[in-house]
Protein backbone atom coordinates (compact mmCIF):
# COMPACT_ATOMS: atom_id res chain seq x y z
CA UNK A 1 -8.62 44.54 82.22
CA UNK A 2 -12.02 42.82 81.81
CA UNK A 3 -12.27 39.89 79.32
CA UNK A 4 -15.07 41.84 77.49
CA UNK A 5 -12.48 44.63 76.78
CA UNK A 6 -10.10 42.08 75.38
CA UNK A 7 -12.75 40.46 73.20
CA UNK A 8 -11.66 41.97 69.84
CA UNK A 9 -8.07 40.84 70.47
CA UNK A 10 -9.08 37.41 71.58
CA UNK A 11 -11.26 36.94 68.52
CA UNK A 12 -8.55 38.11 66.22
CA UNK A 13 -6.03 35.77 67.80
CA UNK A 14 -8.32 32.79 67.57
CA UNK A 15 -9.29 33.61 63.95
CA UNK A 16 -5.54 33.61 63.13
CA UNK A 17 -5.31 30.10 64.51
CA UNK A 18 -3.50 31.19 67.72
CA UNK A 19 -4.00 29.93 71.20
CA UNK A 20 -5.30 32.35 73.87
CA UNK A 21 -4.06 31.84 77.45
CA UNK A 22 -5.57 33.63 80.42
CA UNK A 23 -5.74 33.35 84.18
CA UNK A 24 -9.04 31.93 85.47
CA UNK A 25 -11.24 34.29 87.54
CA UNK A 26 -14.08 33.17 89.64
CA UNK A 27 -14.78 30.11 91.59
CA UNK A 28 -17.37 28.22 89.53
CA UNK A 29 -14.81 25.70 88.11
CA UNK A 30 -13.35 24.83 91.49
CA UNK A 31 -12.15 22.38 92.82
CA UNK A 32 -10.31 21.81 89.47
CA UNK A 33 -9.52 25.42 88.56
CA UNK A 34 -8.70 28.02 91.22
CA UNK A 35 -9.49 31.83 90.95
CA UNK A 36 -6.37 33.85 90.04
CA UNK A 37 -4.09 30.85 90.33
CA UNK A 38 -4.66 28.61 87.33
CA UNK A 39 -4.57 29.33 83.60
CA UNK A 40 -6.46 28.01 80.72
CA UNK A 41 -5.37 27.58 77.02
CA UNK A 42 -8.11 28.18 74.57
CA UNK A 43 -8.33 27.45 70.85
CA UNK A 44 -10.98 28.25 68.27
CA UNK A 45 -13.73 25.65 68.21
CA UNK A 46 -13.69 25.72 64.47
CA UNK A 47 -17.43 25.62 64.29
CA UNK A 48 -17.47 21.97 65.05
CA UNK A 49 -20.04 20.51 67.38
CA UNK A 50 -18.66 20.24 70.88
CA UNK A 51 -18.98 17.00 72.96
CA UNK A 52 -19.96 16.23 76.47
CA UNK A 53 -17.08 17.17 78.88
CA UNK A 54 -15.62 19.90 76.59
CA UNK A 55 -15.04 23.20 78.34
CA UNK A 56 -16.13 25.98 76.11
CA UNK A 57 -15.74 29.73 76.73
CA UNK A 58 -19.00 31.25 75.69
CA UNK A 59 -20.71 34.61 75.81
CA UNK A 60 -23.95 35.07 77.67
CA UNK A 61 -26.65 37.35 76.54
CA UNK A 62 -25.74 39.75 79.29
CA UNK A 63 -22.16 40.01 77.83
CA UNK A 64 -20.38 37.96 80.43
CA UNK A 65 -17.87 35.39 79.28
CA UNK A 66 -18.27 31.96 81.00
CA UNK A 67 -16.06 28.91 81.10
CA UNK A 68 -18.17 25.92 82.14
CA UNK A 69 -18.18 22.21 81.38
CA UNK A 70 -20.62 20.66 78.91
CA UNK A 71 -22.61 18.10 80.83
CA UNK A 72 -25.04 17.26 78.06
CA UNK A 73 -25.50 17.89 74.43
CA UNK A 74 -29.02 18.42 73.14
CA UNK A 75 -30.35 19.15 69.61
CA UNK A 76 -30.87 22.78 70.36
CA UNK A 77 -27.77 23.54 72.46
CA UNK A 78 -25.45 22.51 75.25
CA UNK A 79 -26.25 22.09 78.89
CA UNK A 80 -23.38 23.43 80.96
CA UNK A 81 -22.41 23.85 84.59
CA UNK A 82 -19.34 24.85 86.51
CA UNK A 83 -17.68 22.18 88.45
CA UNK A 84 -18.69 23.92 91.73
CA UNK A 85 -22.28 24.41 90.65
CA UNK A 86 -25.34 22.27 90.89
CA UNK A 87 -27.51 24.48 88.62
CA UNK A 88 -27.55 23.72 84.87
CA UNK A 89 -27.34 26.47 82.25
CA UNK A 90 -29.36 25.76 79.15
CA UNK A 91 -29.39 26.33 76.21
CA UNK A 92 -25.88 27.44 75.42
CA UNK A 93 -26.07 27.79 71.68
CA UNK A 94 -23.09 26.86 69.37
CA UNK A 95 -23.21 30.52 68.09
CA UNK A 96 -22.35 31.67 71.69
CA UNK A 97 -19.10 29.60 71.86
CA UNK A 98 -16.08 31.66 71.40
CA UNK A 99 -13.39 29.06 72.06
CA UNK A 100 -12.80 25.67 73.75
CA UNK A 101 -10.16 24.70 76.31
CA UNK A 102 -7.20 22.81 74.98
CA UNK A 103 -5.45 22.55 78.35
CA UNK A 104 -4.65 24.15 81.70
CA UNK A 105 -1.89 25.08 83.93
CA UNK A 106 -2.97 23.98 87.38
CA UNK A 107 -0.55 24.92 90.18
CA UNK A 108 2.01 25.64 87.34
CA UNK A 109 1.74 22.13 85.78
CA UNK A 110 0.26 21.88 82.24
CA UNK A 111 -2.65 19.38 81.87
CA UNK A 112 -3.97 18.65 78.34
CA UNK A 113 -7.73 18.21 77.89
CA UNK A 114 -6.76 14.96 76.12
CA UNK A 115 -4.81 13.42 79.07
CA UNK A 116 -6.26 10.25 80.47
CA UNK A 117 -6.43 11.41 84.06
CA UNK A 118 -8.19 14.65 83.10
CA UNK A 119 -10.80 12.69 81.06
CA UNK A 120 -11.30 10.36 84.03
CA UNK A 121 -11.84 13.42 86.32
CA UNK A 122 -14.41 14.96 83.82
CA UNK A 123 -16.42 11.76 83.71
CA UNK A 124 -16.36 11.31 87.43
CA UNK A 125 -17.24 14.88 88.23
CA UNK A 126 -20.13 15.02 85.74
CA UNK A 127 -21.46 11.67 86.97
CA UNK A 128 -21.64 13.22 90.44
CA UNK A 129 -23.65 16.21 89.18
CA UNK A 130 -26.82 15.06 90.92
CA UNK A 131 -25.01 14.86 94.22
CA UNK A 132 -23.12 18.14 94.01
CA UNK A 133 -25.73 20.14 95.90
CA UNK A 134 -25.34 17.85 98.92
CA UNK A 135 -21.55 17.76 98.61
CA UNK A 136 -21.13 21.59 98.62
CA UNK A 137 -23.82 22.26 101.21
CA UNK A 138 -22.21 19.70 103.51
CA UNK A 139 -18.71 21.17 102.84
CA UNK A 140 -20.11 24.61 103.70
CA UNK A 141 -21.61 23.31 106.91
CA UNK A 142 -18.51 21.51 107.85
CA UNK A 143 -16.57 24.71 107.45
CA UNK A 144 -18.95 26.60 109.72
CA UNK A 145 -18.81 23.94 112.37
CA UNK A 146 -15.04 23.97 112.29
CA UNK A 147 -14.99 27.70 112.58
CA UNK A 148 -17.36 27.79 115.57
CA UNK A 149 -15.29 25.03 117.30
CA UNK A 150 -12.07 27.08 116.82
CA UNK A 151 -13.61 30.09 118.63
């Protein structure tokens, strides 16, 4: 079932103060979160202003739900990007935010968004944002070279 179809149930659960847990789909948050393997625990953002490194679930104008990291906070919205992306999305308005990640199950192990190592990872990965394009293009090229050499 698509997340959009579950939207009323998700909103109701969040409004009642409950956590919502679902399996991550898509590859935009790799290498940290893997498609159909990892789970995310979401809570209501409570209308508070989110901070750099927070991971909101937000609704785009086209109706798609997106879970991307905040890489910058500006006066008129958030600048976000998936961990495997080098293109920024801006503005993401506070009114678009449905929930914010509280933690994850990565390979079956729970990781809180407040844990020291997770916060170090966030800072490191966001700091590398300007280099991501080169990293992912190089990784893609390396995979092609390996594939050619194996044949």
